[in-house]
Amino acid sequence: MPNSAPAPDVIVLAGGRASRMGGVDKPGLIVGGRSMLDTALSAVSALGRTVVVGPPRPGLGTGVLQTREPEPGSGPVAAVAAGLAALRDPAPQVVILAADLPFLTDTAITELLRRSGAVDAVFAADGSGRPQYLIGVWRTEPLAARLRALGSVVNQPMKALVPANTTIVTLAGVDDCDTPGDIDAARATLEATASAPLDLERARKVLRTGLSRLADRHAELRAAAGAALAAPLTAAEALPRFDASAMDGYAVAGAGPWELRADIGFAGGRRADGLRPGEAVRIATGAQVPEGTTRVLRDEFARTGDDRRLHRIPDSPERSDIRRRGEDRAPGDEIAPAGTPVTSALVSAAAAVEVAAGRVRGPVRARIVMTGDEIRSTGPLQAGQTRDSIGPILPELLTGRGVQTVDRVHLRDTSHGFDHVLATATDCDLLVVVGATGGGAADQLRGALDRAGARLLVSRLALRPGGSTVVAELPAATTVLGLPGNPFAALATLLALIPAVVSGRTGALAARPLLGPLRNAGEISGTVARIVPARHADGPRGGWIGDSAVRTAHLGGLVDRDGLVVVPPGAGDDAVVEFIRL
C-alpha cells in the first residue's frame, strides 16, 4: 500500500515592524476574541509541522517550532528563509502565512491546496483582486532555489520570491490588517457575526476551526479512545511480516505431482524445512511458507493419487494463495493521517504493523453542569420540583461521541453561581451546561461568560428546538457548550454539535454525514431548520419518516425512534436530510 503525499509544512510570519501601527505586536492583537496569530495557527492546524517566525512566544507550546530572523525586522523574505531553515527537511509543499489575517479559516487554505497541483505557487487574492503573497502554497524546491539565487534576503520584497508559474485565487476571508482602522473594522465585523444566530452547518464549521486545540501528547493507542492523531501514523513492520499461506492446504515446489512430506507447517510454529522441487508439505493458514515454495495448493484443489503423491485436481484454478511479505503495508507506509480518530479499527490496524503508540490530542474531558432549582436527580420530589431526566444519561451519550465525563454537578439558580463554575473549570476541556442559556430571570450563563472574558463562538442557533444554544471559550481555553433546558432540545442540540466540538479541540477529521430522503419533510419543515425524531421508512425506497410534532419536555418520543433528522427550512417531501443516530 503506497504512502499518501505528506502534509504541507507551514511557516507563519509573526514578526515585522508594524510601522503603520506604532510598532505594536500585531500578531498578538486580540480580534474576535483571540490573537491573530492564534487565528492563523487554527487555520493550518490539520497540516504538517508549523514554524512561527518572530519574537519568542512561550504560550505556543511544544507542538509549534519557533525561530527568529538573524536580523529581526529584516523583512518577510528573511523570515521565510529562517522558517524554511528551521524545518530542516521540509515537506514538498509549504504554506506561508502572515499573522495579520483575522478572518482566515481552514477553508481558504484547503482551496489553495486544491489549486496548487500544477504550479510552483498559488496565492490568495482579496475581494478587490489584490494578490496576497503572504497567503500562499509554495512548492518547496523552487522556493528554496529562489532564496539561494537572491544572495541576500535582508529587506527583500516578497515579489522577489514569486515564481513565473503561479496561480491567483480570489477568496473570502483573506483581508489583512495594516492599520488601527483595519483592526477596529475587523473587530466590529466579527462581533456582529458572533451575535447573530448561526445555521447548524455554519456553527459546526465555526467550532471545528475556531476552538483552541488540545496539546498533543504521546500515548498508548489502546488507552486513547476518543482522541485523534496529532501526526500521521506509519508502519514499523511489514504486513505480512513474512511470506505466509493464505489458505489451509499444501506448500508445493515446482510442477506436480509432488512427494508429500510427513511434517506440517503450523501458524506460529517453527518454519517448515525448505522444499526441493517436486516436494510438498502440509501447511495451515497463516503459517510461514518454507523456502523454495512456489505456491500453496488449497485443500479443495488437491487430492492424493493412487501413487500416494499429491496432485492438483484437473481444471481447478491455478492460484498462488501466498500472502507475500509487505503486500499490504511496507515499513514506513502511512496507516492513517493526522486527524484520524483513535478507534478500535485504528488500534487494530496499528498493532498489525507493530505500532502501539503515537502522538494524539484528547480525548476531550467534560464536566456536566445541570442547572435550575426545579430539578432533582435523586430522592423524593418536593413541591414544584421535577425529576432530572437527562443528566443521568449525558455521560453515556458523551462517551459514545468520544468524550470522557469527569463529573456531573448541579448548580442552583443564583446570580453569580456560574462565576465560580467558570473560574474553576481548569481541570476539564469542556463544560456541558444544561439550562440557563435563554433570556429569563434565572438564565445567568451569558452574563457569567461575559464577566469571565469568554470568547463567543456561537451566540444562538437558527434551529428549532435549540435556538438558545451558546458556545464560548474561556481564557483558559475550556469550551463551554450551553444547551437549552428542555430535555429534548438539550439532547438534540448536543448530538448535533458535539462532534464539531470534539473535532475543534482534537483536530479530528469531520465524519461523513449520513444523508437520505425524508419522506414527509413537507409537513415538518418551517421557516427555520428543525431537528426532530425519526424512524426508518418501511419499504424498498428506504429513507426516514420524521415526527411533525415534538414534545420537548421529556424524551418519551425517542423510545421507539431510530435517530434524529435535521430538516432544512422550506424542505419538500423526499428532501435529502441529515440523519443523526441516537
Protein backbone atom coordinates (compact mmCIF):
# COMPACT_ATOMS: atom_id res chain seq x y z
CA MET A 1 0.00 0.00 0.00
CA PRO A 2 1.75 3.21 -1.11
CA ASN A 3 2.28 6.21 1.11
CA SER A 4 0.00 9.20 0.69
CA ALA A 5 1.58 12.57 -0.02
CA PRO A 6 2.94 14.16 3.17
CA ALA A 7 1.00 17.10 4.58
CA PRO A 8 2.47 20.50 3.73
CA ASP A 9 4.58 22.21 6.36
CA VAL A 10 3.67 25.73 7.49
CA ILE A 11 5.64 28.95 8.02
CA VAL A 12 3.78 31.69 9.92
CA LEU A 13 5.38 35.14 9.81
CA ALA A 14 4.74 36.74 13.19
CA GLY A 15 7.41 39.41 13.42
CA GLY A 16 7.76 42.61 11.41
CA ARG A 17 7.85 46.23 12.48
CA ALA A 18 4.11 47.12 12.14
CA SER A 19 5.30 50.65 11.40
CA ARG A 20 1.82 51.87 10.44
CA MET A 21 0.53 50.73 13.85
CA GLY A 22 3.17 52.29 16.04
CA GLY A 23 5.30 49.17 16.32
CA VAL A 24 2.76 47.12 18.31
CA ASP A 25 2.91 43.31 18.35
CA LYS A 26 0.33 42.97 15.59
CA PRO A 27 0.07 39.13 15.64
CA GLY A 28 -0.70 39.31 19.35
CA LEU A 29 -3.63 41.72 18.99
CA ILE A 30 -6.98 40.24 20.03
CA VAL A 31 -9.54 40.34 17.24
CA GLY A 32 -12.73 38.33 17.54
CA GLY A 33 -11.76 37.01 20.96
CA ARG A 34 -8.34 35.60 20.07
CA SER A 35 -5.00 36.78 18.78
CA MET A 36 -4.48 36.99 15.04
CA LEU A 37 -1.58 34.55 15.46
CA ASP A 38 -3.97 32.02 17.02
CA THR A 39 -6.33 32.56 14.08
CA ALA A 40 -3.52 31.72 11.64
CA LEU A 41 -2.46 28.65 13.61
CA SER A 42 -6.03 27.40 13.80
CA ALA A 43 -6.40 27.63 10.01
CA VAL A 44 -3.42 25.31 9.45
CA SER A 45 -3.75 23.03 12.48
CA ALA A 46 -4.54 19.98 10.33
CA LEU A 47 -1.36 20.31 8.25
CA GLY A 48 2.23 19.24 8.92
CA ARG A 49 4.89 20.87 11.05
CA THR A 50 4.42 24.56 11.84
CA VAL A 51 7.17 27.09 12.50
CA VAL A 52 6.42 30.60 13.76
CA VAL A 53 9.00 33.22 12.83
CA GLY A 54 9.14 36.15 15.22
CA PRO A 55 9.83 37.05 18.84
CA PRO A 56 9.64 34.22 21.41
CA ARG A 57 6.09 33.32 22.42
CA PRO A 58 6.07 30.94 25.42
CA GLY A 59 2.35 30.25 25.13
CA LEU A 60 2.61 28.41 21.81
CA GLY A 61 3.55 25.09 23.38
CA THR A 62 5.94 22.39 22.25
CA GLY A 63 3.98 21.41 19.15
CA VAL A 64 4.97 24.60 17.31
CA LEU A 65 8.54 25.34 16.25
CA GLN A 66 9.78 28.87 16.86
CA THR A 67 12.64 30.73 15.23
CA ARG A 68 13.79 34.27 14.50
CA GLU A 69 15.39 36.01 11.57
CA PRO A 70 19.13 36.65 12.08
CA GLU A 71 18.26 40.37 11.91
CA PRO A 72 14.81 40.93 13.50
CA GLY A 73 12.61 43.15 11.37
CA SER A 74 14.60 42.47 8.19
CA GLY A 75 11.54 41.74 6.06
CA PRO A 76 9.30 38.88 5.01
CA VAL A 77 11.81 37.19 2.71
CA ALA A 78 14.32 36.92 5.56
CA ALA A 79 11.56 35.48 7.73
CA VAL A 80 10.64 32.90 5.06
CA ALA A 81 14.30 31.87 4.79
CA ALA A 82 14.54 31.49 8.56
CA GLY A 83 11.35 29.43 8.69
CA LEU A 84 12.48 27.13 5.89
CA ALA A 85 15.82 26.61 7.61
CA ALA A 86 14.07 25.74 10.90
CA LEU A 87 12.09 23.00 9.15
CA ARG A 88 15.43 21.42 8.05
CA ASP A 89 13.82 18.69 5.92
CA PRO A 90 10.64 20.40 4.74
CA ALA A 91 7.73 18.69 3.01
CA PRO A 92 7.41 19.04 -0.79
CA GLN A 93 4.95 21.88 -0.22
CA VAL A 94 4.96 24.68 2.33
CA VAL A 95 2.15 27.05 3.32
CA ILE A 96 3.34 30.59 4.08
CA LEU A 97 1.05 32.89 6.07
CA ALA A 98 1.18 36.26 7.69
CA ALA A 99 -0.27 36.51 11.20
CA ASP A 100 -2.48 39.55 10.50
CA LEU A 101 -5.48 37.81 8.90
CA PRO A 102 -8.37 37.93 11.39
CA PHE A 103 -10.91 36.25 9.09
CA LEU A 104 -8.72 33.39 7.87
CA THR A 105 -10.12 29.84 8.13
CA ASP A 106 -9.04 26.40 7.00
CA THR A 107 -11.48 26.70 4.08
CA ALA A 108 -9.20 29.20 2.34
CA ILE A 109 -6.14 27.04 2.96
CA THR A 110 -7.93 23.94 1.67
CA GLU A 111 -8.90 25.74 -1.54
CA LEU A 112 -5.34 26.96 -2.11
CA LEU A 113 -4.03 23.43 -1.63
CA ARG A 114 -6.64 22.10 -4.06
CA ARG A 115 -5.47 24.57 -6.72
CA SER A 116 -1.74 24.03 -6.14
CA GLY A 117 -1.12 20.85 -8.11
CA ALA A 118 0.29 22.14 -11.41
CA VAL A 119 2.03 25.35 -10.32
CA ASP A 120 5.06 26.40 -8.29
CA ALA A 121 2.95 28.68 -6.08
CA VAL A 122 -0.68 29.64 -5.59
CA PHE A 123 -1.71 32.82 -3.79
CA ALA A 124 -4.95 34.21 -2.42
CA ALA A 125 -6.43 37.47 -3.65
CA ASP A 126 -8.90 39.57 -1.67
CA GLY A 127 -12.25 40.78 -2.96
CA SER A 128 -10.62 43.67 -4.82
CA GLY A 129 -8.37 41.25 -6.72
CA ARG A 130 -5.22 42.32 -4.84
CA PRO A 131 -2.81 39.35 -4.55
CA GLN A 132 -1.83 38.42 -1.01
CA TYR A 133 1.66 36.96 -1.35
CA LEU A 134 1.67 36.17 2.35
CA ILE A 135 -1.22 33.72 1.96
CA GLY A 136 0.09 31.06 -0.34
CA VAL A 137 1.09 27.48 -1.00
CA TRP A 138 4.58 27.01 -2.47
CA ARG A 139 6.46 24.10 -3.91
CA THR A 140 9.45 23.86 -1.61
CA GLU A 141 12.15 23.12 -4.17
CA PRO A 142 11.65 26.19 -6.41
CA LEU A 143 11.14 28.36 -3.33
CA ALA A 144 14.47 27.25 -1.87
CA ALA A 145 16.15 27.77 -5.25
CA ARG A 146 14.89 31.38 -5.48
CA LEU A 147 16.07 32.09 -1.94
CA ARG A 148 19.55 30.83 -2.85
CA ALA A 149 19.56 32.92 -6.03
CA LEU A 150 18.86 36.15 -4.13
CA GLY A 151 22.17 36.18 -2.31
CA SER A 152 21.00 38.49 0.47
CA VAL A 153 17.48 38.00 1.85
CA VAL A 154 17.50 41.11 4.04
CA ASN A 155 14.80 43.71 3.28
CA GLN A 156 13.76 41.99 0.08
CA PRO A 157 10.10 42.25 -1.05
CA MET A 158 8.02 39.07 -1.32
CA LYS A 159 7.69 39.67 -5.07
CA ALA A 160 11.38 38.77 -5.32
CA LEU A 161 10.40 35.16 -4.49
CA VAL A 162 7.31 34.85 -6.68
CA PRO A 163 7.96 32.30 -9.48
CA ALA A 164 6.63 32.65 -13.02
CA ASN A 165 4.41 29.58 -12.79
CA THR A 166 1.78 30.78 -10.33
CA THR A 167 -1.99 30.97 -9.89
CA ILE A 168 -4.02 33.64 -8.11
CA VAL A 169 -7.29 32.55 -6.45
CA THR A 170 -9.83 35.10 -5.20
CA LEU A 171 -11.06 34.00 -1.78
CA ALA A 172 -13.22 35.34 1.02
CA GLY A 173 -11.73 35.99 4.43
CA VAL A 174 -8.19 36.87 3.33
CA ASP A 175 -8.21 40.58 4.14
CA ASP A 176 -5.23 41.65 6.25
CA CYS A 177 -4.93 44.36 8.89
CA ASP A 178 -2.30 47.04 8.31
CA THR A 179 -3.71 50.00 10.27
CA PRO A 180 -5.57 50.65 13.54
CA GLY A 181 -8.67 51.33 11.43
CA ASP A 182 -8.41 47.87 9.87
CA ILE A 183 -8.25 46.33 13.34
CA ASP A 184 -11.29 48.28 14.55
CA ALA A 185 -13.29 47.30 11.46
CA ALA A 186 -12.36 43.63 11.82
CA ARG A 187 -13.36 43.62 15.47
CA ALA A 188 -16.72 45.20 14.68
CA THR A 189 -17.40 42.71 11.88
CA LEU A 190 -16.53 39.67 13.99
CA GLU A 191 -18.53 40.96 16.96
CA ALA A 192 -21.61 41.41 14.78
CA THR A 193 -21.12 37.97 13.26
CA ALA A 194 -20.74 36.33 16.68
CA SER A 195 -24.02 37.76 17.98
CA ALA A 196 -26.17 36.62 15.03
CA PRO A 197 -27.88 33.19 15.08
CA LEU A 198 -25.93 30.66 13.02
CA ASP A 199 -27.37 27.86 10.97
CA LEU A 200 -26.22 24.42 12.05
CA GLU A 201 -23.61 23.90 9.34
CA ARG A 202 -22.07 27.32 9.92
CA ALA A 203 -21.98 26.73 13.67
CA ARG A 204 -20.26 23.39 13.17
CA LYS A 205 -17.66 24.96 10.93
CA VAL A 206 -17.01 27.74 13.46
CA LEU A 207 -16.43 25.13 16.17
CA ARG A 208 -14.22 22.90 14.04
CA THR A 209 -11.98 25.81 13.07
CA GLY A 210 -12.38 28.29 15.93
CA LEU A 211 -11.81 26.28 19.10
CA SER A 212 -8.33 26.01 20.58
CA ARG A 213 -6.62 22.69 20.02
CA LEU A 214 -5.68 20.50 22.95
CA ALA A 215 -1.97 19.94 23.49
CA ASP A 216 -0.65 16.87 21.70
CA ARG A 217 0.89 14.03 23.69
CA HIS A 218 2.47 10.62 23.25
CA ALA A 219 0.00 7.91 24.24
CA GLU A 220 -0.68 4.21 24.02
CA LEU A 221 -3.38 3.93 21.37
CA ARG A 222 -5.36 1.35 23.35
CA ALA A 223 -5.74 3.91 26.15
CA ALA A 224 -6.63 6.86 23.89
CA ALA A 225 -10.20 6.14 22.81
CA GLY A 226 -11.86 9.40 21.75
CA ALA A 227 -8.56 11.07 20.88
CA ALA A 228 -7.39 11.94 17.36
CA LEU A 229 -3.97 11.50 15.81
CA ALA A 230 -1.86 14.65 16.05
CA ALA A 231 0.60 13.30 13.49
CA PRO A 232 0.43 10.64 10.77
CA LEU A 233 0.88 7.06 11.97
CA THR A 234 3.34 4.97 9.96
CA ALA A 235 4.05 1.25 9.92
CA ALA A 236 7.04 -0.04 11.89
CA GLU A 237 6.93 -3.51 10.32
CA ALA A 238 5.78 -5.08 7.08
CA LEU A 239 2.35 -6.67 6.75
CA PRO A 240 2.53 -9.60 6.39
CA ARG A 241 5.87 -9.88 8.20
CA PHE A 242 6.80 -12.92 6.11
CA ASP A 243 5.52 -14.91 3.17
CA ALA A 244 2.55 -16.79 4.64
CA SER A 245 -0.05 -19.25 3.49
CA ALA A 246 -3.41 -17.66 2.76
CA MET A 247 -5.27 -20.98 2.99
CA ASP A 248 -5.16 -24.39 4.61
CA GLY A 249 -3.53 -26.70 2.10
CA TYR A 250 -0.09 -27.65 0.85
CA ALA A 251 3.08 -25.69 0.18
CA VAL A 252 4.48 -27.08 -3.05
CA ALA A 253 7.69 -26.61 -5.02
CA GLY A 254 7.72 -26.83 -8.81
CA ALA A 255 5.23 -28.59 -11.04
CA GLY A 256 3.22 -31.51 -9.67
CA PRO A 257 2.66 -34.20 -8.78
CA TRP A 258 4.57 -33.83 -5.51
CA GLU A 259 6.04 -36.11 -2.89
CA LEU A 260 4.21 -35.29 0.35
CA ARG A 261 6.47 -34.97 3.36
CA ALA A 262 5.31 -36.00 6.81
CA ASP A 263 5.99 -32.67 8.57
CA ILE A 264 3.38 -29.88 8.85
CA GLY A 265 3.72 -26.09 8.87
CA PHE A 266 1.63 -24.51 11.63
CA ALA A 267 0.84 -20.83 12.12
CA GLY A 268 3.03 -19.51 14.93
CA GLY A 269 5.17 -22.61 14.88
CA ARG A 270 8.65 -23.30 13.55
CA ARG A 271 9.01 -22.74 9.85
CA ALA A 272 8.98 -25.99 7.92
CA ASP A 273 12.25 -27.03 6.33
CA GLY A 274 12.86 -25.84 2.79
CA LEU A 275 11.25 -27.64 -0.12
CA ARG A 276 13.10 -29.21 -3.00
CA PRO A 277 11.48 -29.30 -6.44
CA GLY A 278 8.74 -31.92 -6.51
CA GLU A 279 8.12 -31.80 -2.73
CA ALA A 280 5.06 -30.69 -0.77
CA VAL A 281 4.31 -30.15 2.89
CA ARG A 282 1.01 -29.74 4.74
CA ILE A 283 0.51 -26.11 5.81
CA ALA A 284 -2.02 -24.14 7.84
CA THR A 285 -3.45 -20.68 7.16
CA GLY A 286 -1.03 -18.02 8.41
CA ALA A 287 1.98 -20.33 8.60
CA GLN A 288 5.28 -19.15 7.12
CA VAL A 289 5.84 -20.91 3.82
CA PRO A 290 9.04 -22.98 3.57
CA GLU A 291 11.93 -21.74 1.48
CA GLY A 292 11.55 -22.90 -2.10
CA THR A 293 7.74 -22.77 -2.10
CA THR A 294 6.34 -21.75 -5.46
CA ARG A 295 2.68 -21.69 -4.39
CA VAL A 296 0.16 -23.01 -1.91
CA LEU A 297 -2.34 -25.58 -3.17
CA ARG A 298 -5.50 -25.19 -1.12
CA ASP A 299 -7.23 -28.31 0.24
CA GLU A 300 -10.22 -28.21 -2.09
CA PHE A 301 -7.96 -28.21 -5.16
CA ALA A 302 -5.75 -31.12 -4.02
CA ARG A 303 -6.05 -34.91 -3.88
CA THR A 304 -3.74 -37.81 -3.11
CA GLY A 305 -3.42 -40.23 -6.03
CA ASP A 306 -3.01 -43.97 -6.10
CA ASP A 307 0.72 -43.32 -6.32
CA ARG A 308 0.46 -41.65 -2.85
CA ARG A 309 1.63 -38.43 -4.39
CA LEU A 310 -0.15 -35.08 -4.17
CA HIS A 311 -1.98 -33.97 -7.33
CA ARG A 312 -3.82 -30.83 -8.34
CA ILE A 313 -7.42 -31.66 -9.23
CA PRO A 314 -7.82 -31.24 -13.00
CA ASP A 315 -9.41 -27.93 -14.13
CA SER A 316 -9.12 -26.39 -10.65
CA PRO A 317 -7.91 -22.77 -10.65
CA GLU A 318 -4.17 -22.21 -10.55
CA ARG A 319 -3.62 -19.77 -7.71
CA SER A 320 -0.67 -18.77 -5.59
CA ASP A 321 -2.52 -18.42 -2.26
CA ILE A 322 0.60 -16.94 -0.69
CA ARG A 323 0.45 -13.61 1.10
CA ARG A 324 3.79 -12.01 0.28
CA ARG A 325 5.76 -10.02 2.85
CA GLY A 326 4.74 -6.35 2.75
CA GLU A 327 1.98 -6.76 0.17
CA ASP A 328 -0.47 -4.90 2.45
CA ARG A 329 1.98 -2.47 4.08
CA ALA A 330 5.70 -1.88 3.90
CA PRO A 331 7.66 -0.32 6.79
CA GLY A 332 7.10 3.44 6.68
CA ASP A 333 3.73 3.23 4.92
CA GLU A 334 1.09 5.55 6.33
CA ILE A 335 -1.52 3.78 8.44
CA ALA A 336 -3.64 6.87 8.98
CA PRO A 337 -3.22 10.64 8.56
CA ALA A 338 -3.26 13.25 11.29
CA GLY A 339 -6.80 13.90 12.45
CA THR A 340 -7.90 10.27 12.30
CA PRO A 341 -9.97 9.39 15.37
CA VAL A 342 -8.49 6.67 17.58
CA THR A 343 -10.97 3.83 17.15
CA SER A 344 -10.83 0.09 17.60
CA ALA A 345 -10.15 -0.26 13.87
CA LEU A 346 -7.17 2.12 14.07
CA VAL A 347 -5.76 0.38 17.15
CA SER A 348 -6.01 -2.96 15.36
CA ALA A 349 -4.51 -1.67 12.09
CA ALA A 350 -1.59 -0.16 14.02
CA ALA A 351 -0.98 -3.29 16.09
CA ALA A 352 -0.77 -5.35 12.90
CA VAL A 353 2.35 -3.38 11.91
CA GLU A 354 3.93 -3.25 15.39
CA VAL A 355 2.73 0.25 16.31
CA ALA A 356 1.23 0.60 19.79
CA ALA A 357 1.55 4.35 20.47
CA GLY A 358 1.52 7.70 18.72
CA ARG A 359 1.02 11.45 19.06
CA VAL A 360 -2.60 12.26 19.87
CA ARG A 361 -4.84 15.07 21.06
CA GLY A 362 -7.59 14.25 23.52
CA PRO A 363 -9.85 12.71 24.46
CA VAL A 364 -11.94 15.70 25.48
CA ARG A 365 -12.74 15.66 29.22
CA ALA A 366 -16.13 17.10 30.14
CA ARG A 367 -17.90 18.33 33.27
CA ILE A 368 -21.69 18.27 33.10
CA VAL A 369 -23.46 21.15 34.85
CA MET A 370 -27.18 20.73 35.42
CA THR A 371 -28.93 23.97 36.38
CA GLY A 372 -32.18 25.02 38.00
CA ASP A 373 -33.78 24.87 41.44
CA GLU A 374 -36.68 22.94 39.95
CA ILE A 375 -34.82 19.73 39.03
CA ARG A 376 -33.74 16.93 41.34
CA SER A 377 -31.63 13.89 40.47
CA THR A 378 -32.30 11.67 43.49
CA GLY A 379 -34.63 11.50 46.43
CA PRO A 380 -38.30 12.40 46.74
CA LEU A 381 -39.56 15.38 44.80
CA GLN A 382 -40.68 18.45 46.70
CA ALA A 383 -43.38 20.88 45.68
CA GLY A 384 -42.58 22.48 42.31
CA GLN A 385 -39.69 20.09 41.55
CA THR A 386 -39.27 17.74 38.60
CA ARG A 387 -37.00 14.77 38.02
CA ASP A 388 -33.73 15.26 36.20
CA SER A 389 -34.39 13.01 33.21
CA ILE A 390 -31.40 13.96 31.07
CA GLY A 391 -28.43 14.48 33.38
CA PRO A 392 -28.02 10.76 34.19
CA ILE A 393 -27.85 9.77 30.52
CA LEU A 394 -25.47 12.51 29.34
CA PRO A 395 -22.26 10.66 30.32
CA GLU A 396 -23.27 7.68 28.19
CA LEU A 397 -24.17 9.92 25.26
CA LEU A 398 -20.86 11.77 25.54
CA THR A 399 -18.88 8.54 25.78
CA GLY A 400 -20.47 7.38 22.54
CA ARG A 401 -19.13 10.57 20.90
CA GLY A 402 -15.59 10.15 22.26
CA VAL A 403 -15.91 12.47 25.27
CA GLN A 404 -14.91 11.40 28.78
CA THR A 405 -17.09 12.70 31.61
CA VAL A 406 -15.08 13.99 34.57
CA ASP A 407 -18.09 14.58 36.84
CA ARG A 408 -21.67 15.85 36.93
CA VAL A 409 -22.73 18.71 39.21
CA HIS A 410 -25.95 20.59 39.96
CA LEU A 411 -25.96 24.39 40.07
CA ARG A 412 -28.79 26.23 41.76
CA ASP A 413 -30.28 29.44 40.37
CA THR A 414 -28.15 32.19 41.91
CA SER A 415 -26.97 35.46 40.45
CA HIS A 416 -23.26 34.57 40.48
CA GLY A 417 -23.21 30.79 40.76
CA PHE A 418 -21.74 30.42 37.30
CA ASP A 419 -18.80 32.70 38.11
CA HIS A 420 -17.30 30.04 40.37
CA VAL A 421 -18.06 27.22 37.92
CA LEU A 422 -16.32 29.04 35.07
CA ALA A 423 -13.38 30.19 37.20
CA THR A 424 -12.61 26.65 38.40
CA ALA A 425 -13.07 24.88 35.04
CA THR A 426 -9.33 24.40 34.54
CA ASP A 427 -9.41 20.64 35.21
CA CYS A 428 -11.60 19.85 32.20
CA ASP A 429 -11.67 20.68 28.50
CA LEU A 430 -15.43 21.11 28.13
CA LEU A 431 -18.29 22.34 30.29
CA VAL A 432 -21.64 20.98 29.16
CA VAL A 433 -24.23 23.26 30.75
CA VAL A 434 -27.90 22.28 30.57
CA GLY A 435 -30.24 25.24 31.05
CA ALA A 436 -29.70 28.92 31.89
CA THR A 437 -28.99 29.82 28.24
CA GLY A 438 -32.15 31.82 27.49
CA GLY A 439 -33.12 35.32 28.49
CA GLY A 440 -35.22 34.56 31.58
CA ALA A 441 -34.69 35.83 35.10
CA ALA A 442 -32.89 32.63 36.13
CA ASP A 443 -30.76 32.35 32.97
CA GLN A 444 -27.35 33.51 34.15
CA LEU A 445 -24.88 31.78 31.85
CA ARG A 446 -24.45 34.51 29.24
CA GLY A 447 -23.73 37.19 31.81
CA ALA A 448 -21.19 34.97 33.54
CA LEU A 449 -19.45 34.25 30.24
CA ASP A 450 -19.18 37.97 29.60
CA ARG A 451 -17.74 38.61 33.09
CA ALA A 452 -15.25 35.77 32.60
CA GLY A 453 -13.95 37.32 29.39
CA ALA A 454 -15.05 34.33 27.32
CA ARG A 455 -14.75 34.37 23.54
CA LEU A 456 -18.18 33.80 21.99
CA LEU A 457 -18.24 31.43 19.02
CA VAL A 458 -21.93 30.61 18.71
CA SER A 459 -24.35 33.09 20.26
CA ARG A 460 -27.52 31.37 19.10
CA LEU A 461 -28.59 28.71 16.62
CA ALA A 462 -31.06 29.10 13.78
CA LEU A 463 -32.60 25.77 14.79
CA ARG A 464 -35.86 24.59 16.40
CA PRO A 465 -35.55 23.47 19.13
CA GLY A 466 -32.12 24.65 20.25
CA GLY A 467 -32.17 28.33 19.38
CA SER A 468 -30.82 29.45 22.78
CA THR A 469 -27.66 27.32 22.47
CA VAL A 470 -24.43 29.16 23.20
CA VAL A 471 -20.82 28.06 22.72
CA ALA A 472 -17.87 30.01 24.07
CA GLU A 473 -14.24 29.57 25.02
CA LEU A 474 -12.88 30.69 28.38
CA PRO A 475 -9.49 32.42 28.67
CA ALA A 476 -8.10 29.09 29.98
CA ALA A 477 -9.25 27.53 26.65
CA THR A 478 -12.04 25.47 28.25
CA THR A 479 -15.01 25.15 25.89
CA VAL A 480 -18.45 25.99 27.26
CA LEU A 481 -21.36 24.31 25.50
CA GLY A 482 -24.58 25.83 26.85
CA LEU A 483 -27.65 23.75 25.96
CA PRO A 484 -31.36 24.58 26.33
CA GLY A 485 -33.03 23.36 29.50
CA ASN A 486 -35.76 21.27 27.85
CA PRO A 487 -34.57 17.63 27.72
CA PHE A 488 -35.27 17.01 24.05
CA ALA A 489 -33.81 20.35 22.96
CA ALA A 490 -30.70 19.70 25.06
CA LEU A 491 -30.19 16.18 23.71
CA ALA A 492 -30.84 17.10 20.08
CA THR A 493 -28.50 20.09 20.17
CA LEU A 494 -25.81 18.09 21.97
CA LEU A 495 -25.88 15.31 19.37
CA ALA A 496 -25.85 17.85 16.54
CA LEU A 497 -22.88 19.88 17.86
CA ILE A 498 -20.67 17.63 19.97
CA PRO A 499 -18.81 16.02 17.01
CA ALA A 500 -17.79 19.52 15.85
CA VAL A 501 -16.65 20.41 19.39
CA VAL A 502 -14.53 17.26 19.54
CA SER A 503 -13.12 18.00 16.09
CA GLY A 504 -12.26 21.56 17.09
CA ARG A 505 -10.45 20.50 20.25
CA THR A 506 -8.69 17.36 18.97
CA GLY A 507 -8.23 18.13 15.28
CA ALA A 508 -10.30 15.07 14.36
CA LEU A 509 -11.36 14.98 10.73
CA ALA A 510 -15.06 15.69 10.23
CA ALA A 511 -17.08 12.50 9.88
CA ARG A 512 -19.09 11.92 6.74
CA PRO A 513 -22.75 12.83 7.37
CA LEU A 514 -25.42 10.18 6.96
CA LEU A 515 -27.79 11.54 4.32
CA GLY A 516 -31.02 10.25 2.87
CA PRO A 517 -34.57 11.19 1.86
CA LEU A 518 -37.09 12.34 4.45
CA ARG A 519 -40.37 11.11 3.05
CA ASN A 520 -42.59 13.58 4.91
CA ALA A 521 -40.28 16.61 5.02
CA GLY A 522 -43.01 18.89 3.69
CA GLU A 523 -45.20 18.51 6.78
CA ILE A 524 -42.24 19.15 9.14
CA SER A 525 -40.25 21.97 7.57
CA GLY A 526 -40.79 25.59 8.51
CA THR A 527 -39.07 28.94 8.18
CA VAL A 528 -36.01 27.76 10.15
CA ALA A 529 -34.31 24.38 10.33
CA ARG A 530 -35.89 21.81 12.63
CA ILE A 531 -34.43 18.79 14.37
CA VAL A 532 -36.98 16.06 15.12
CA PRO A 533 -37.13 12.34 16.00
CA ALA A 534 -37.32 9.95 13.05
CA ARG A 535 -37.65 6.28 12.20
CA HIS A 536 -36.58 4.30 9.19
CA ALA A 537 -39.26 4.24 6.50
CA ASP A 538 -40.64 0.82 5.64
CA GLY A 539 -40.47 -0.48 2.11
CA PRO A 540 -37.81 -0.77 -0.60
CA ARG A 541 -37.40 3.00 -1.04
CA GLY A 542 -35.93 3.41 2.43
CA GLY A 543 -35.30 6.83 3.89
CA TRP A 544 -36.89 8.18 7.05
CA ILE A 545 -40.18 9.33 8.47
CA GLY A 546 -39.95 12.27 10.88
CA ASP A 547 -42.24 13.39 13.69
CA SER A 548 -44.10 16.56 12.79
CA ALA A 549 -44.95 17.30 16.45
CA VAL A 550 -42.33 17.08 19.20
CA ARG A 551 -42.77 17.20 22.97
CA THR A 552 -39.56 18.82 24.21
CA ALA A 553 -40.15 18.48 27.98
CA HIS A 554 -39.17 14.79 28.03
CA LEU A 555 -37.55 12.11 25.87
CA GLY A 556 -40.54 9.78 25.65
CA GLY A 557 -40.85 10.45 21.92
CA LEU A 558 -37.44 8.84 21.31
CA VAL A 559 -38.26 5.44 22.82
CA ASP A 560 -39.12 3.78 19.51
CA ARG A 561 -37.22 6.09 17.17
CA ASP A 562 -34.00 5.33 15.30
CA GLY A 563 -32.49 8.80 15.45
CA LEU A 564 -32.96 12.46 14.62
CA VAL A 565 -33.24 14.28 11.30
CA VAL A 566 -32.23 17.86 10.56
CA VAL A 567 -34.90 19.34 8.29
CA PRO A 568 -33.85 22.41 6.26
CA PRO A 569 -36.23 25.35 6.07
CA GLY A 570 -38.75 25.04 3.26
CA ALA A 571 -37.89 21.39 2.52
CA GLY A 572 -40.38 19.36 0.50
CA ASP A 573 -41.21 15.66 0.69
CA ASP A 574 -38.27 13.37 -0.12
CA ALA A 575 -35.75 16.14 0.52
CA VAL A 576 -32.30 14.78 1.35
CA VAL A 577 -31.61 15.45 5.03
CA GLU A 578 -29.02 14.60 7.65
CA PHE A 579 -29.74 11.68 9.95
CA ILE A 580 -28.14 11.58 13.43
CA ARG A 581 -28.04 8.23 15.19
CA LEU A 582 -29.17 8.07 18.79
